[in-house]
Amino acid sequence: MITLLAHIGYENSSDVAIETLTDAADHFLRRMTLLLKTATEQKDHGFPVRREKAARLTLQLEIL
């Protein structure tokens, strides 16, 4: 986290700010990976819009 902050221009920062950003990033990444894991374990996972488009395209190809 310190390297990322230094890279974007924050060369001097307090320990509390760094710990807070580290905790927030940790929470975000853990939550995101948990949601991705849950989504992949579901039977019908994916994006509904893509499935609908694929179904319509398949139907159009069958008609031709």
PDB file of N, CA and C in Angstrom:
ATOM      1  N   MET A   1       0.827  -1.182   0.000  1.00  0.00           N
ATOM      2  CA  MET A   1       0.000   0.000   0.000  1.00  0.00           C
ATOM      3  C   MET A   1       0.875   1.252   0.000  1.00  0.00           C
ATOM      4  N   ILE A   2       1.943   1.233   0.758  1.00  0.00           N
ATOM      5  CA  ILE A   2       2.825   2.394   0.826  1.00  0.00           C
ATOM      6  C   ILE A   2       3.434   2.690  -0.540  1.00  0.00           C
ATOM      7  N   THR A   3       3.794   1.655  -1.270  1.00  0.00           N
ATOM      8  CA  THR A   3       4.376   1.840  -2.599  1.00  0.00           C
ATOM      9  C   THR A   3       3.359   2.464  -3.552  1.00  0.00           C
ATOM     10  N   LEU A   4       2.122   2.002  -3.484  1.00  0.00           N
ATOM     11  CA  LEU A   4       1.080   2.585  -4.335  1.00  0.00           C
ATOM     12  C   LEU A   4       0.844   4.052  -4.003  1.00  0.00           C
ATOM     13  N   LEU A   5       0.798   4.367  -2.731  1.00  0.00           N
ATOM     14  CA  LEU A   5       0.604   5.763  -2.325  1.00  0.00           C
ATOM     15  C   LEU A   5       1.768   6.635  -2.779  1.00  0.00           C
ATOM     16  N   ALA A   6       2.977   6.137  -2.646  1.00  0.00           N
ATOM     17  CA  ALA A   6       4.138   6.905  -3.089  1.00  0.00           C
ATOM     18  C   ALA A   6       4.118   7.095  -4.597  1.00  0.00           C
ATOM     19  N   HIS A   7       3.652   6.085  -5.312  1.00  0.00           N
ATOM     20  CA  HIS A   7       3.610   6.163  -6.772  1.00  0.00           C
ATOM     21  C   HIS A   7       2.652   7.248  -7.268  1.00  0.00           C
ATOM     22  N   ILE A   8       1.544   7.434  -6.553  1.00  0.00           N
ATOM     23  CA  ILE A   8       0.584   8.446  -7.000  1.00  0.00           C
ATOM     24  C   ILE A   8       0.838   9.814  -6.383  1.00  0.00           C
ATOM     25  N   GLY A   9       1.947   9.943  -5.620  1.00  0.00           N
ATOM     26  CA  GLY A   9       2.345  11.262  -5.163  1.00  0.00           C
ATOM     27  C   GLY A   9       2.276  11.518  -3.680  1.00  0.00           C
ATOM     28  N   TYR A  10       1.809  10.568  -2.909  1.00  0.00           N
ATOM     29  CA  TYR A  10       1.739  10.753  -1.460  1.00  0.00           C
ATOM     30  C   TYR A  10       3.010  10.197  -0.831  1.00  0.00           C
ATOM     31  N   GLU A  11       4.022  11.040  -0.742  1.00  0.00           N
ATOM     32  CA  GLU A  11       5.291  10.576  -0.192  1.00  0.00           C
ATOM     33  C   GLU A  11       5.302  10.618   1.330  1.00  0.00           C
ATOM     34  N   ASN A  12       4.531  11.518   1.926  1.00  0.00           N
ATOM     35  CA  ASN A  12       4.442  11.615   3.377  1.00  0.00           C
ATOM     36  C   ASN A  12       3.000  11.383   3.793  1.00  0.00           C
ATOM     37  N   SER A  13       2.777  10.362   4.591  1.00  0.00           N
ATOM     38  CA  SER A  13       1.423  10.098   5.091  1.00  0.00           C
ATOM     39  C   SER A  13       1.510   9.480   6.481  1.00  0.00           C
ATOM     40  N   SER A  14       0.442   9.591   7.211  1.00  0.00           N
ATOM     41  CA  SER A  14       0.432   9.079   8.584  1.00  0.00           C
ATOM     42  C   SER A  14       0.193   7.573   8.590  1.00  0.00           C
ATOM     43  N   ASP A  15       0.620   6.941   9.654  1.00  0.00           N
ATOM     44  CA  ASP A  15       0.427   5.494   9.800  1.00  0.00           C
ATOM     45  C   ASP A  15      -1.053   5.138   9.874  1.00  0.00           C
ATOM     46  N   VAL A  16      -1.840   5.991  10.496  1.00  0.00           N
ATOM     47  CA  VAL A  16      -3.278   5.732  10.621  1.00  0.00           C
ATOM     48  C   VAL A  16      -3.939   5.730   9.238  1.00  0.00           C
ATOM     49  N   ALA A  17      -3.550   6.676   8.387  1.00  0.00           N
ATOM     50  CA  ALA A  17      -4.120   6.737   7.036  1.00  0.00           C
ATOM     51  C   ALA A  17      -3.741   5.501   6.231  1.00  0.00           C
ATOM     52  N   ILE A  18      -2.505   5.065   6.354  1.00  0.00           N
ATOM     53  CA  ILE A  18      -2.050   3.879   5.622  1.00  0.00           C
ATOM     54  C   ILE A  18      -2.787   2.639   6.121  1.00  0.00           C
ATOM     55  N   GLU A  19      -2.936   2.500   7.423  1.00  0.00           N
ATOM     56  CA  GLU A  19      -3.662   1.352   7.982  1.00  0.00           C
ATOM     57  C   GLU A  19      -5.125   1.357   7.544  1.00  0.00           C
ATOM     58  N   THR A  20      -5.730   2.548   7.517  1.00  0.00           N
ATOM     59  CA  THR A  20      -7.128   2.657   7.100  1.00  0.00           C
ATOM     60  C   THR A  20      -7.286   2.251   5.635  1.00  0.00           C
ATOM     61  N   LEU A  21      -6.422   2.744   4.768  1.00  0.00           N
ATOM     62  CA  LEU A  21      -6.490   2.374   3.353  1.00  0.00           C
ATOM     63  C   LEU A  21      -6.203   0.892   3.152  1.00  0.00           C
ATOM     64  N   THR A  22      -5.280   0.350   3.909  1.00  0.00           N
ATOM     65  CA  THR A  22      -4.977  -1.075   3.816  1.00  0.00           C
ATOM     66  C   THR A  22      -6.179  -1.914   4.246  1.00  0.00           C
ATOM     67  N   ASP A  23      -6.811  -1.530   5.335  1.00  0.00           N
ATOM     68  CA  ASP A  23      -8.000  -2.250   5.808  1.00  0.00           C
ATOM     69  C   ASP A  23      -9.150  -2.162   4.803  1.00  0.00           C
ATOM     70  N   ALA A  24      -9.332  -0.984   4.225  1.00  0.00           N
ATOM     71  CA  ALA A  24     -10.405  -0.810   3.234  1.00  0.00           C
ATOM     72  C   ALA A  24     -10.144  -1.657   1.992  1.00  0.00           C
ATOM     73  N   ALA A  25      -8.906  -1.665   1.512  1.00  0.00           N
ATOM     74  CA  ALA A  25      -8.558  -2.473   0.338  1.00  0.00           C
ATOM     75  C   ALA A  25      -8.719  -3.963   0.644  1.00  0.00           C
ATOM     76  N   ASP A  26      -8.297  -4.375   1.832  1.00  0.00           N
ATOM     77  CA  ASP A  26      -8.441  -5.770   2.238  1.00  0.00           C
ATOM     78  C   ASP A  26      -9.907  -6.183   2.286  1.00  0.00           C
ATOM     79  N   HIS A  27     -10.735  -5.350   2.887  1.00  0.00           N
ATOM     80  CA  HIS A  27     -12.164  -5.646   2.969  1.00  0.00           C
ATOM     81  C   HIS A  27     -12.786  -5.726   1.571  1.00  0.00           C
ATOM     82  N   PHE A  28     -12.449  -4.781   0.705  1.00  0.00           N
ATOM     83  CA  PHE A  28     -12.994  -4.765  -0.644  1.00  0.00           C
ATOM     84  C   PHE A  28     -12.612  -6.027  -1.408  1.00  0.00           C
ATOM     85  N   LEU A  29     -11.329  -6.385  -1.373  1.00  0.00           N
ATOM     86  CA  LEU A  29     -10.873  -7.555  -2.135  1.00  0.00           C
ATOM     87  C   LEU A  29     -11.458  -8.855  -1.583  1.00  0.00           C
ATOM     88  N   ARG A  30     -11.566  -8.964  -0.262  1.00  0.00           N
ATOM     89  CA  ARG A  30     -12.174 -10.166   0.312  1.00  0.00           C
ATOM     90  C   ARG A  30     -13.651 -10.284  -0.075  1.00  0.00           C
ATOM     91  N   ARG A  31     -14.366  -9.171  -0.020  1.00  0.00           N
ATOM     92  CA  ARG A  31     -15.787  -9.176  -0.374  1.00  0.00           C
ATOM     93  C   ARG A  31     -15.978  -9.491  -1.854  1.00  0.00           C
ATOM     94  N   MET A  32     -15.152  -8.884  -2.704  1.00  0.00           N
ATOM     95  CA  MET A  32     -15.262  -9.112  -4.153  1.00  0.00           C
ATOM     96  C   MET A  32     -14.985 -10.575  -4.501  1.00  0.00           C
ATOM     97  N   THR A  33     -13.942 -11.150  -3.904  1.00  0.00           N
ATOM     98  CA  THR A  33     -13.647 -12.545  -4.214  1.00  0.00           C
ATOM     99  C   THR A  33     -14.716 -13.485  -3.660  1.00  0.00           C
ATOM    100  N   LEU A  34     -15.291 -13.148  -2.516  1.00  0.00           N
ATOM    101  CA  LEU A  34     -16.385 -13.961  -1.981  1.00  0.00           C
ATOM    102  C   LEU A  34     -17.596 -13.914  -2.911  1.00  0.00           C
ATOM    103  N   LEU A  35     -17.914 -12.731  -3.415  1.00  0.00           N
ATOM    104  CA  LEU A  35     -19.041 -12.611  -4.337  1.00  0.00           C
ATOM    105  C   LEU A  35     -18.777 -13.347  -5.646  1.00  0.00           C
ATOM    106  N   LEU A  36     -17.555 -13.282  -6.145  1.00  0.00           N
ATOM    107  CA  LEU A  36     -17.219 -14.015  -7.371  1.00  0.00           C
ATOM    108  C   LEU A  36     -17.306 -15.518  -7.150  1.00  0.00           C
ATOM    109  N   LYS A  37     -16.827 -15.983  -5.989  1.00  0.00           N
ATOM    110  CA  LYS A  37     -16.904 -17.408  -5.673  1.00  0.00           C
ATOM    111  C   LYS A  37     -18.356 -17.858  -5.599  1.00  0.00           C
ATOM    112  N   THR A  38     -19.188 -17.073  -4.931  1.00  0.00           N
ATOM    113  CA  THR A  38     -20.604 -17.405  -4.806  1.00  0.00           C
ATOM    114  C   THR A  38     -21.276 -17.427  -6.175  1.00  0.00           C
ATOM    115  N   ALA A  39     -20.940 -16.464  -7.013  1.00  0.00           N
ATOM    116  CA  ALA A  39     -21.548 -16.394  -8.348  1.00  0.00           C
ATOM    117  C   ALA A  39     -21.162 -17.587  -9.203  1.00  0.00           C
ATOM    118  N   THR A  40     -19.924 -18.044  -9.107  1.00  0.00           N
ATOM    119  CA  THR A  40     -19.510 -19.178  -9.932  1.00  0.00           C
ATOM    120  C   THR A  40     -20.059 -20.500  -9.422  1.00  0.00           C
ATOM    121  N   GLU A  41     -20.407 -20.566  -8.137  1.00  0.00           N
ATOM    122  CA  GLU A  41     -20.967 -21.800  -7.586  1.00  0.00           C
ATOM    123  C   GLU A  41     -22.455 -21.949  -7.860  1.00  0.00           C
ATOM    124  N   GLN A  42     -23.104 -20.875  -8.277  1.00  0.00           N
ATOM    125  CA  GLN A  42     -24.527 -20.957  -8.592  1.00  0.00           C
ATOM    126  C   GLN A  42     -24.712 -21.655  -9.933  1.00  0.00           C
ATOM    127  N   LYS A  43     -25.847 -22.319 -10.072  1.00  0.00           N
ATOM    128  CA  LYS A  43     -26.106 -23.077 -11.299  1.00  0.00           C
ATOM    129  C   LYS A  43     -26.207 -22.154 -12.514  1.00  0.00           C
ATOM    130  N   ASP A  44     -26.984 -21.101 -12.407  1.00  0.00           N
ATOM    131  CA  ASP A  44     -27.150 -20.142 -13.510  1.00  0.00           C
ATOM    132  C   ASP A  44     -26.347 -18.895 -13.220  1.00  0.00           C
ATOM    133  N   HIS A  45     -25.056 -18.960 -13.448  1.00  0.00           N
ATOM    134  CA  HIS A  45     -24.251 -17.766 -13.236  1.00  0.00           C
ATOM    135  C   HIS A  45     -23.934 -17.125 -14.576  1.00  0.00           C
ATOM    136  N   GLY A  46     -23.539 -15.914 -14.546  1.00  0.00           N
ATOM    137  CA  GLY A  46     -23.249 -15.179 -15.764  1.00  0.00           C
ATOM    138  C   GLY A  46     -24.085 -13.927 -15.821  1.00  0.00           C
ATOM    139  N   PHE A  47     -24.035 -13.282 -16.941  1.00  0.00           N
ATOM    140  CA  PHE A  47     -24.766 -12.039 -17.122  1.00  0.00           C
ATOM    141  C   PHE A  47     -26.029 -12.324 -17.920  1.00  0.00           C
ATOM    142  N   PRO A  48     -27.210 -12.033 -17.347  1.00  0.00           N
ATOM    143  CA  PRO A  48     -28.471 -12.367 -18.023  1.00  0.00           C
ATOM    144  C   PRO A  48     -28.603 -11.728 -19.396  1.00  0.00           C
ATOM    145  N   VAL A  49     -28.115 -10.527 -19.553  1.00  0.00           N
ATOM    146  CA  VAL A  49     -28.235  -9.843 -20.842  1.00  0.00           C
ATOM    147  C   VAL A  49     -27.486 -10.620 -21.911  1.00  0.00           C
ATOM    148  N   ARG A  50     -26.306 -11.108 -21.598  1.00  0.00           N
ATOM    149  CA  ARG A  50     -25.531 -11.897 -22.559  1.00  0.00           C
ATOM    150  C   ARG A  50     -26.272 -13.179 -22.926  1.00  0.00           C
ATOM    151  N   ARG A  51     -26.867 -13.838 -21.913  1.00  0.00           N
ATOM    152  CA  ARG A  51     -27.602 -15.074 -22.201  1.00  0.00           C
ATOM    153  C   ARG A  51     -28.787 -14.798 -23.109  1.00  0.00           C
ATOM    154  N   GLU A  52     -29.490 -13.683 -22.859  1.00  0.00           N
ATOM    155  CA  GLU A  52     -30.638 -13.342 -23.690  1.00  0.00           C
ATOM    156  C   GLU A  52     -30.207 -13.051 -25.119  1.00  0.00           C
ATOM    157  N   LYS A  53     -29.110 -12.315 -25.283  1.00  0.00           N
ATOM    158  CA  LYS A  53     -28.612 -12.023 -26.623  1.00  0.00           C
ATOM    159  C   LYS A  53     -28.196 -13.304 -27.342  1.00  0.00           C
ATOM    160  N   ALA A  54     -27.536 -14.193 -26.620  1.00  0.00           N
ATOM    161  CA  ALA A  54     -27.112 -15.455 -27.214  1.00  0.00           C
ATOM    162  C   ALA A  54     -28.317 -16.298 -27.616  1.00  0.00           C
ATOM    163  N   ALA A  55     -29.355 -16.302 -26.785  1.00  0.00           N
ATOM    164  CA  ALA A  55     -30.557 -17.068 -27.108  1.00  0.00           C
ATOM    165  C   ALA A  55     -31.246 -16.499 -28.341  1.00  0.00           C
ATOM    166  N   ARG A  56     -31.311 -15.164 -28.429  1.00  0.00           N
ATOM    167  CA  ARG A  56     -31.932 -14.542 -29.609  1.00  0.00           C
ATOM    168  C   ARG A  56     -31.132 -14.833 -30.869  1.00  0.00           C
ATOM    169  N   LEU A  57     -29.798 -14.774 -30.776  1.00  0.00           N
ATOM    170  CA  LEU A  57     -28.954 -15.048 -31.927  1.00  0.00           C
ATOM    171  C   LEU A  57     -29.111 -16.497 -32.368  1.00  0.00           C
ATOM    172  N   THR A  58     -29.166 -17.415 -31.416  1.00  0.00           N
ATOM    173  CA  THR A  58     -29.371 -18.819 -31.740  1.00  0.00           C
ATOM    174  C   THR A  58     -30.715 -19.039 -32.421  1.00  0.00           C
ATOM    175  N   LEU A  59     -31.755 -18.375 -31.923  1.00  0.00           N
ATOM    176  CA  LEU A  59     -33.074 -18.481 -32.525  1.00  0.00           C
ATOM    177  C   LEU A  59     -33.067 -17.925 -33.940  1.00  0.00           C
ATOM    178  N   GLN A  60     -32.399 -16.817 -34.160  1.00  0.00           N
ATOM    179  CA  GLN A  60     -32.325 -16.226 -35.488  1.00  0.00           C
ATOM    180  C   GLN A  60     -31.572 -17.138 -36.448  1.00  0.00           C
ATOM    181  N   LEU A  61     -30.523 -17.772 -35.979  1.00  0.00           N
ATOM    182  CA  LEU A  61     -29.774 -18.674 -36.830  1.00  0.00           C
ATOM    183  C   LEU A  61     -30.584 -19.919 -37.162  1.00  0.00           C
ATOM    184  N   GLU A  62     -31.403 -20.393 -36.234  1.00  0.00           N
ATOM    185  CA  GLU A  62     -32.252 -21.560 -36.489  1.00  0.00           C
ATOM    186  C   GLU A  62     -33.319 -21.230 -37.516  1.00  0.00           C
ATOM    187  N   ILE A  63     -33.804 -20.002 -37.506  1.00  0.00           N
ATOM    188  CA  ILE A  63     -34.841 -19.593 -38.462  1.00  0.00           C
ATOM    189  C   ILE A  63     -34.271 -19.556 -39.876  1.00  0.00           C
ATOM    190  N   LEU A  64     -33.018 -19.112 -39.997  1.00  0.00           N
ATOM    191  CA  LEU A  64     -32.390 -19.036 -41.318  1.00  0.00           C
ATOM    192  C   LEU A  64     -32.144 -20.433 -41.826  1.00  0.00           C
TER     193      LEU A  64
END
